[in-house]
Protein backbone atom coordinates (compact mmCIF):
# COMPACT_ATOMS: atom_id res chain seq x y z
CA MET A 1 80.71 109.52 85.70
CA VAL A 2 83.44 107.86 84.09
CA ARG A 3 86.47 106.79 86.29
CA PHE A 4 89.65 104.91 86.72
CA GLU A 5 89.22 102.03 89.15
CA ASN A 6 93.00 101.75 89.93
CA ILE A 7 93.85 105.45 89.70
CA ASN A 8 96.96 104.83 91.86
CA TYR A 9 98.76 103.17 88.79
CA VAL A 10 98.90 106.57 87.08
CA TRP A 11 102.36 107.21 88.39
CA LEU A 12 103.69 104.48 86.02
CA LEU A 13 103.28 107.04 83.25
CA THR A 14 106.15 109.04 84.73
CA ALA A 15 108.39 106.57 83.12
CA ILE A 16 107.49 107.66 79.65
CA PRO A 17 109.39 110.91 79.62
CA PHE A 18 112.48 109.21 80.86
CA LEU A 19 112.31 106.63 78.11
CA ILE A 20 111.94 109.30 75.57
CA LEU A 21 115.02 111.05 76.76
CA LEU A 22 116.85 107.80 76.78
CA PHE A 23 115.84 107.15 73.12
CA ILE A 24 117.06 110.61 72.19
CA PHE A 25 120.42 109.92 73.88
CA LEU A 26 120.53 106.66 72.08
CA ILE A 27 120.18 108.25 68.61
CA GLN A 28 122.77 110.94 69.41
CA TRP A 29 125.19 108.04 70.59
CA LYS A 30 124.59 106.05 67.33
CA LYS A 31 125.37 109.19 65.22
CA LYS A 32 128.63 109.81 67.01
CA THR A 33 129.58 106.19 66.86
CA ALA A 34 128.94 106.10 63.15
CA LYS A 35 131.29 109.10 62.68
CA LYS A 36 133.98 107.40 64.82
CA ILE A 37 133.98 104.22 62.64
CA GLY A 38 135.71 105.93 59.64
CA ASP A 39 134.84 107.07 56.17
CA GLU A 40 131.37 108.52 56.03
CA HIS A 41 130.62 107.34 52.65
CA LEU A 42 131.52 103.74 53.49
CA VAL A 43 129.35 103.85 56.61
CA LYS A 44 126.38 104.86 54.53
CA LEU A 45 127.08 102.10 52.18
CA ILE A 46 127.17 99.60 54.84
CA THR A 47 124.06 100.83 56.49
CA LYS A 48 122.16 101.71 53.21
CA ASN A 49 119.29 99.19 54.15
CA TYR A 50 118.89 100.69 57.62
CA SER A 51 115.77 102.91 58.04
CA PRO A 52 115.97 105.60 60.80
CA PHE A 53 112.34 106.30 60.15
CA LYS A 54 111.28 102.67 61.00
CA PHE A 55 113.68 102.77 64.08
CA VAL A 56 111.75 105.80 65.40
CA LEU A 57 108.41 104.21 64.45
CA LYS A 58 109.06 100.98 66.42
CA PHE A 59 109.92 103.00 69.47
CA SER A 60 106.91 105.09 69.17
CA ILE A 61 104.75 101.95 68.86
CA ILE A 62 106.42 100.60 72.15
CA ILE A 63 105.61 103.90 73.92
CA ILE A 64 101.91 103.81 72.86
CA ALA A 65 101.62 100.21 73.85
CA MET A 66 103.16 101.04 77.19
CA ILE A 67 100.61 103.78 77.75
CA ALA A 68 97.75 101.46 76.75
CA ILE A 69 99.06 98.92 79.24
CA VAL A 70 99.04 101.47 82.15
CA ILE A 71 95.62 102.63 81.15
CA GLY A 72 94.34 99.03 81.09
CA ALA A 73 95.91 98.54 84.53
CA MET A 74 94.00 101.56 85.79
CA ASN A 75 90.86 100.04 84.39
CA PHE A 76 88.96 102.76 82.69
CA GLN A 77 85.26 102.46 83.57
CA LYS A 78 81.88 104.14 82.87
CA PRO A 79 78.72 103.64 84.76
CA GLY A 80 76.51 100.73 83.99
CA LYS A 81 72.89 100.41 84.93
CA THR A 82 71.45 102.64 87.67
CA GLU A 83 68.96 101.85 90.24
CA ASN A 84 67.06 103.72 92.91
CA ILE A 85 67.86 102.25 96.21
CA LYS A 86 65.80 102.99 99.24
CA ARG A 87 67.40 102.48 102.70
CA LYS A 88 67.16 103.64 106.23
CA GLY A 89 70.43 104.99 108.02
CA VAL A 90 71.98 107.87 109.91
CA ASP A 91 74.57 110.49 109.03
CA VAL A 92 77.93 109.71 110.81
CA MET A 93 80.85 112.13 110.80
CA ILE A 94 84.14 110.64 111.70
CA VAL A 95 86.45 113.17 113.51
CA LEU A 96 89.98 111.74 113.63
CA ASP A 97 92.81 113.27 115.39
CA VAL A 98 96.04 113.06 113.25
CA SER A 99 98.34 115.07 115.55
CA LYS A 100 101.87 113.79 116.03
CA SER A 101 100.93 112.54 119.45
CA MET A 102 98.86 109.92 117.53
CA LEU A 103 102.22 108.40 116.41
CA ALA A 104 103.05 107.21 120.00
CA GLU A 105 103.39 103.41 120.01
CA ASP A 106 101.89 102.52 123.43
CA ILE A 107 99.07 101.09 121.15
CA LYS A 108 100.74 98.87 118.48
CA PRO A 109 101.47 99.54 115.76
CA SER A 110 100.77 103.20 116.67
CA ARG A 111 97.65 104.99 117.98
CA LEU A 112 96.82 106.46 114.50
CA GLU A 113 97.22 103.03 112.73
CA ARG A 114 95.08 101.31 115.37
CA ALA A 115 92.41 104.08 114.86
CA LYS A 116 92.48 103.47 111.08
CA GLN A 117 92.05 99.64 111.70
CA LEU A 118 88.90 100.35 113.79
CA LEU A 119 87.50 102.79 111.24
CA THR A 120 88.04 100.30 108.39
CA LEU A 121 86.09 97.61 110.26
CA LEU A 122 83.48 99.98 111.22
CA MET A 123 82.71 100.87 107.64
CA ASP A 124 81.32 97.39 107.25
CA LYS A 125 78.88 97.98 110.04
CA LEU A 126 77.52 101.24 108.46
CA GLU A 127 76.70 99.95 105.08
CA ASN A 128 73.33 101.85 105.04
CA ASP A 129 74.74 105.19 106.43
CA ARG A 130 76.22 108.19 104.99
CA ILE A 131 79.77 108.90 106.19
CA GLY A 132 81.96 111.87 106.17
CA LEU A 133 85.47 112.53 107.55
CA VAL A 134 87.21 115.51 109.33
CA LEU A 135 90.86 115.27 110.15
CA PHE A 136 92.29 117.65 112.74
CA ALA A 137 95.45 118.71 114.72
CA GLY A 138 96.22 122.34 115.13
CA ARG A 139 93.27 122.98 112.68
CA PRO A 140 90.54 120.88 111.15
CA TYR A 141 90.14 119.87 107.47
CA MET A 142 86.95 118.54 105.83
CA GLN A 143 88.56 115.59 104.17
CA MET A 144 85.27 114.11 102.78
CA PRO A 145 81.67 115.35 102.98
CA LEU A 146 78.79 113.00 103.88
CA THR A 147 78.62 110.34 101.18
CA THR A 148 77.51 106.78 100.61
CA ASP A 149 80.70 106.08 98.78
CA HIS A 150 82.29 103.95 101.50
CA SER A 151 85.11 102.97 99.29
CA ALA A 152 86.32 106.58 99.14
CA ALA A 153 85.84 106.67 102.79
CA ARG A 154 88.31 103.87 103.29
CA MET A 155 90.77 105.43 100.97
CA TYR A 156 90.77 108.68 102.84
CA ILE A 157 91.01 107.02 106.08
CA GLN A 158 94.01 104.86 105.09
CA ASP A 159 95.92 108.00 103.71
CA ALA A 160 95.25 109.93 106.98
CA SER A 161 98.53 111.01 108.51
CA PRO A 162 99.99 114.03 110.44
CA ASN A 163 101.13 115.51 107.02
CA ALA A 164 97.48 116.19 106.22
CA VAL A 165 97.26 118.93 108.90
CA PRO A 166 100.72 120.65 109.11
CA THR A 167 99.76 122.70 112.03
CA GLN A 168 100.13 120.76 115.26
CA GLY A 169 97.95 120.84 118.37
CA THR A 170 94.46 119.33 119.30
CA VAL A 171 91.68 121.70 118.45
CA ILE A 172 88.72 119.40 119.17
CA ALA A 173 86.12 122.13 119.32
CA GLU A 174 86.87 123.37 115.88
CA ALA A 175 86.82 119.83 114.48
CA LEU A 176 83.44 119.30 116.02
CA ASP A 177 82.02 122.47 114.66
CA MET A 178 83.19 121.57 111.14
CA ALA A 179 81.72 118.09 111.46
CA ASN A 180 78.32 119.80 112.59
CA HIS A 181 78.17 121.89 109.63
CA ALA A 182 78.21 118.86 107.41
CA PHE A 183 74.80 117.77 108.84
CA ASN A 184 71.42 118.98 107.70
CA SER A 185 70.70 121.94 110.14
CA LYS A 186 66.98 121.49 109.69
CA GLU A 187 67.06 117.97 111.20
CA GLN A 188 67.23 117.38 115.06
CA LYS A 189 68.11 113.74 114.84
CA TYR A 190 69.68 110.99 112.78
CA LYS A 191 73.14 112.52 113.32
CA ALA A 192 76.21 111.34 115.11
CA ILE A 193 79.96 112.04 115.48
CA VAL A 194 82.56 109.52 116.13
CA LEU A 195 85.50 111.36 117.68
CA ILE A 196 88.82 109.30 117.83
CA SER A 197 91.65 111.01 119.78
CA ASP A 198 94.01 110.74 122.49
CA GLY A 199 92.59 113.97 123.88
CA GLU A 200 96.12 115.06 124.82
CA ASP A 201 95.73 118.86 124.66
CA HIS A 202 92.89 120.14 126.75
CA ASP A 203 90.50 122.33 124.58
CA PRO A 204 88.58 124.74 126.75
CA ASP A 205 86.01 125.36 124.07
CA ALA A 206 85.19 121.73 123.49
CA GLU A 207 82.67 121.52 126.24
CA LYS A 208 80.64 124.45 124.87
CA MET A 209 80.74 123.08 121.51
CA ALA A 210 79.51 119.77 122.72
CA GLN A 211 76.46 121.40 124.52
CA ALA A 212 75.70 123.21 121.39
CA LEU A 213 75.67 120.03 119.29
CA ALA A 214 73.55 118.26 121.86
CA LYS A 215 70.82 120.96 121.31
CA ASN A 216 71.13 120.40 117.60
CA GLY A 217 70.50 116.69 118.03
CA VAL A 218 73.99 115.37 117.51
CA MET A 219 75.36 112.54 119.49
CA ILE A 220 79.13 112.43 120.08
CA ASN A 221 80.70 109.11 120.67
CA THR A 222 84.26 109.32 121.73
CA VAL A 223 87.13 106.65 121.30
CA GLY A 224 90.10 107.16 123.53
CA ILE A 225 93.32 105.70 122.14
CA GLY A 226 96.52 105.45 123.99
CA SER A 227 97.26 104.72 127.65
CA PRO A 228 97.06 106.92 130.77
CA ASP A 229 100.70 106.16 131.56
CA GLY A 230 101.64 107.58 128.06
CA ALA A 231 104.42 106.94 125.69
CA PRO A 232 107.13 109.04 123.83
CA ILE A 233 106.53 110.35 120.39
CA ILE A 234 108.85 109.46 117.60
CA ASP A 235 109.14 112.19 114.85
CA PRO A 236 108.44 110.41 111.54
CA VAL A 237 110.94 112.57 109.74
CA THR A 238 113.98 112.65 112.03
CA LYS A 239 113.20 109.29 113.79
CA GLN A 240 114.07 110.98 117.06
CA LEU A 241 112.19 111.28 120.26
CA LYS A 242 110.25 114.54 120.55
CA LYS A 243 111.86 116.76 123.32
CA ASP A 244 110.38 119.74 125.15
CA ALA A 245 112.11 123.24 125.57
CA ASP A 246 114.17 121.86 128.46
CA GLY A 247 115.39 118.97 126.37
CA GLN A 248 113.29 116.46 128.35
CA THR A 249 111.38 113.55 126.29
CA VAL A 250 107.82 114.40 125.84
CA ILE A 251 105.44 111.76 127.10
CA SER A 252 101.98 111.82 125.46
CA LYS A 253 99.04 110.59 127.72
CA LEU A 254 95.52 109.63 127.04
CA ASN A 255 93.15 112.16 128.42
CA GLU A 256 90.14 110.10 129.17
CA VAL A 257 88.48 112.72 131.38
CA GLU A 258 87.81 115.05 128.65
CA LEU A 259 86.71 112.54 125.99
CA SER A 260 84.33 110.94 128.50
CA HIS A 261 82.87 114.28 129.39
CA LEU A 262 82.25 115.21 125.83
CA ALA A 263 80.33 112.03 125.19
CA ASP A 264 78.31 112.39 128.38
CA LEU A 265 77.16 115.86 127.32
CA THR A 266 75.55 114.55 124.11
CA ASN A 267 74.18 111.23 125.45
CA GLY A 268 76.97 109.37 123.58
CA ILE A 269 79.38 106.86 124.99
CA TYR A 270 83.16 106.88 125.66
CA LEU A 271 85.21 103.70 125.20
CA ARG A 272 88.96 103.09 125.29
CA LEU A 273 90.36 101.25 122.35
CA ASP A 274 92.01 98.38 123.99
CA ASN A 275 90.14 95.27 122.60
CA MET A 276 89.36 95.85 118.84
CA ASP A 277 86.42 93.46 118.83
CA ASP A 278 84.73 94.68 121.85
CA ALA A 279 85.31 98.40 120.76
CA LEU A 280 83.72 97.51 117.27
CA ILE A 281 80.68 95.82 118.70
CA THR A 282 80.06 98.57 121.36
CA LEU A 283 80.44 101.39 118.88
CA SER A 284 78.21 99.82 116.01
CA GLN A 285 75.45 99.04 118.60
CA GLN A 286 75.48 102.53 119.93
CA LEU A 287 75.20 103.94 116.31
CA ASP A 288 72.66 101.31 115.46
CA SER A 289 70.43 102.71 118.33
CA ILE A 290 69.98 106.03 116.68
CA GLU A 291 66.67 106.65 115.01
CA LYS A 292 67.18 106.08 111.16
CA LYS A 293 65.70 108.16 108.40
CA SER A 294 64.57 106.79 105.07
CA LEU A 295 66.98 107.69 102.35
CA ALA A 296 66.52 107.31 98.53
CA ASP A 297 69.84 107.30 96.48
CA THR A 298 70.44 106.80 92.86
CA GLU A 299 73.48 104.49 93.01
CA PHE A 300 75.51 102.87 90.39
CA VAL A 301 74.90 99.12 90.61
CA SER A 302 77.82 98.26 88.38
CA TYR A 303 80.58 99.78 86.37
CA GLN A 304 81.40 98.67 82.75
CA SER A 305 85.18 98.02 82.46
CA PHE A 306 87.30 98.60 79.32
CA PHE A 307 90.70 97.40 80.38
CA GLN A 308 90.58 94.46 77.94
CA TRP A 309 90.30 96.81 74.99
CA PHE A 310 93.50 98.61 75.94
CA LEU A 311 95.29 95.44 76.79
CA ALA A 312 94.33 94.06 73.44
CA ALA A 313 95.46 97.13 71.64
CA ALA A 314 98.74 97.13 73.63
CA LEU A 315 99.30 93.35 72.49
CA LEU A 316 98.61 94.16 68.85
CA LEU A 317 100.89 97.13 68.88
CA LEU A 318 103.73 94.95 70.36
CA LEU A 319 103.06 92.31 67.74
CA ILE A 320 103.40 94.88 65.02
CA GLU A 321 106.53 96.26 66.60
CA PHE A 322 107.98 92.74 66.74
CA ILE A 323 107.45 91.95 62.95
CA LEU A 324 108.21 95.26 61.70
CA PRO A 325 111.78 95.29 60.23
CA GLU A 326 114.21 98.23 60.62
CA ARG A 327 115.52 97.67 57.03
CA LYS A 328 114.09 99.66 54.10
CA MET A 329 111.56 98.15 51.89
CA LYS A 330 112.98 96.79 48.65
CA ILE A 331 111.07 98.03 45.56
CA ALA A 332 111.24 95.45 42.80
């Protein structure tokens, strides 16, 4: 499957329409300026060697060269050699709370950013495992199904924010249910969920869901993030503290009781994210203790890049534009 390695550079192409509009404006301005100079016949005589066609051609060459540069920066690639890779691993669904309470800053830089840091480091410990991602607040979203593409997982985790789930709240039960549907229902092992949340809103259905998942062989490991004393929530749009209906500042507190109980019901562990290194070691060891299954995947060992061809074409086009005169060719 062909791809662009740095697809985020595609936004640079939005400059092309603006440059075209600017060029059209420049042509109109030149025409108006020529009329203001004086006698039309005299102006044509003075500019008789000027070629409007070459002026447009030189601009077109620059535009094509710019497009080639952007595509080169995006690095167009196609799969190289493939190889069957056998490995042993487990299926891990990450269930990440992205409600606005996760923006509280009792854990620096914020609860959500701290959770992202943990998950990014955890990716390195799960190199043989399939990983999926569910984001939730007032409703859950399957952000990424189970995959061995850890680079994609890192990207989705880094982009996670309250904007991904406009409906606010903390529906842990629904998020766990969605994660469970990502697993192979025929297997009674090799499955784990990593739930990261402040557990602020009590979800009465979460306990029943955890019991059902335990029967299905799913282990839930919970990571509590925040402090029991709590912290105010700053709205990312207004930059103001969140208030309740009475105008009082809302204090978001870590609900360790519920998160710990969910882990206990499934033979998982609960840990509070205080020390990053300790949490990473404990969580990775817990996941490593799960019985692993043999997996055979066909993975792309390498991708063949073509950025150099686009950059070379851009360089050639710019060289042509530089030496191409705007004057008309004189015919002897």
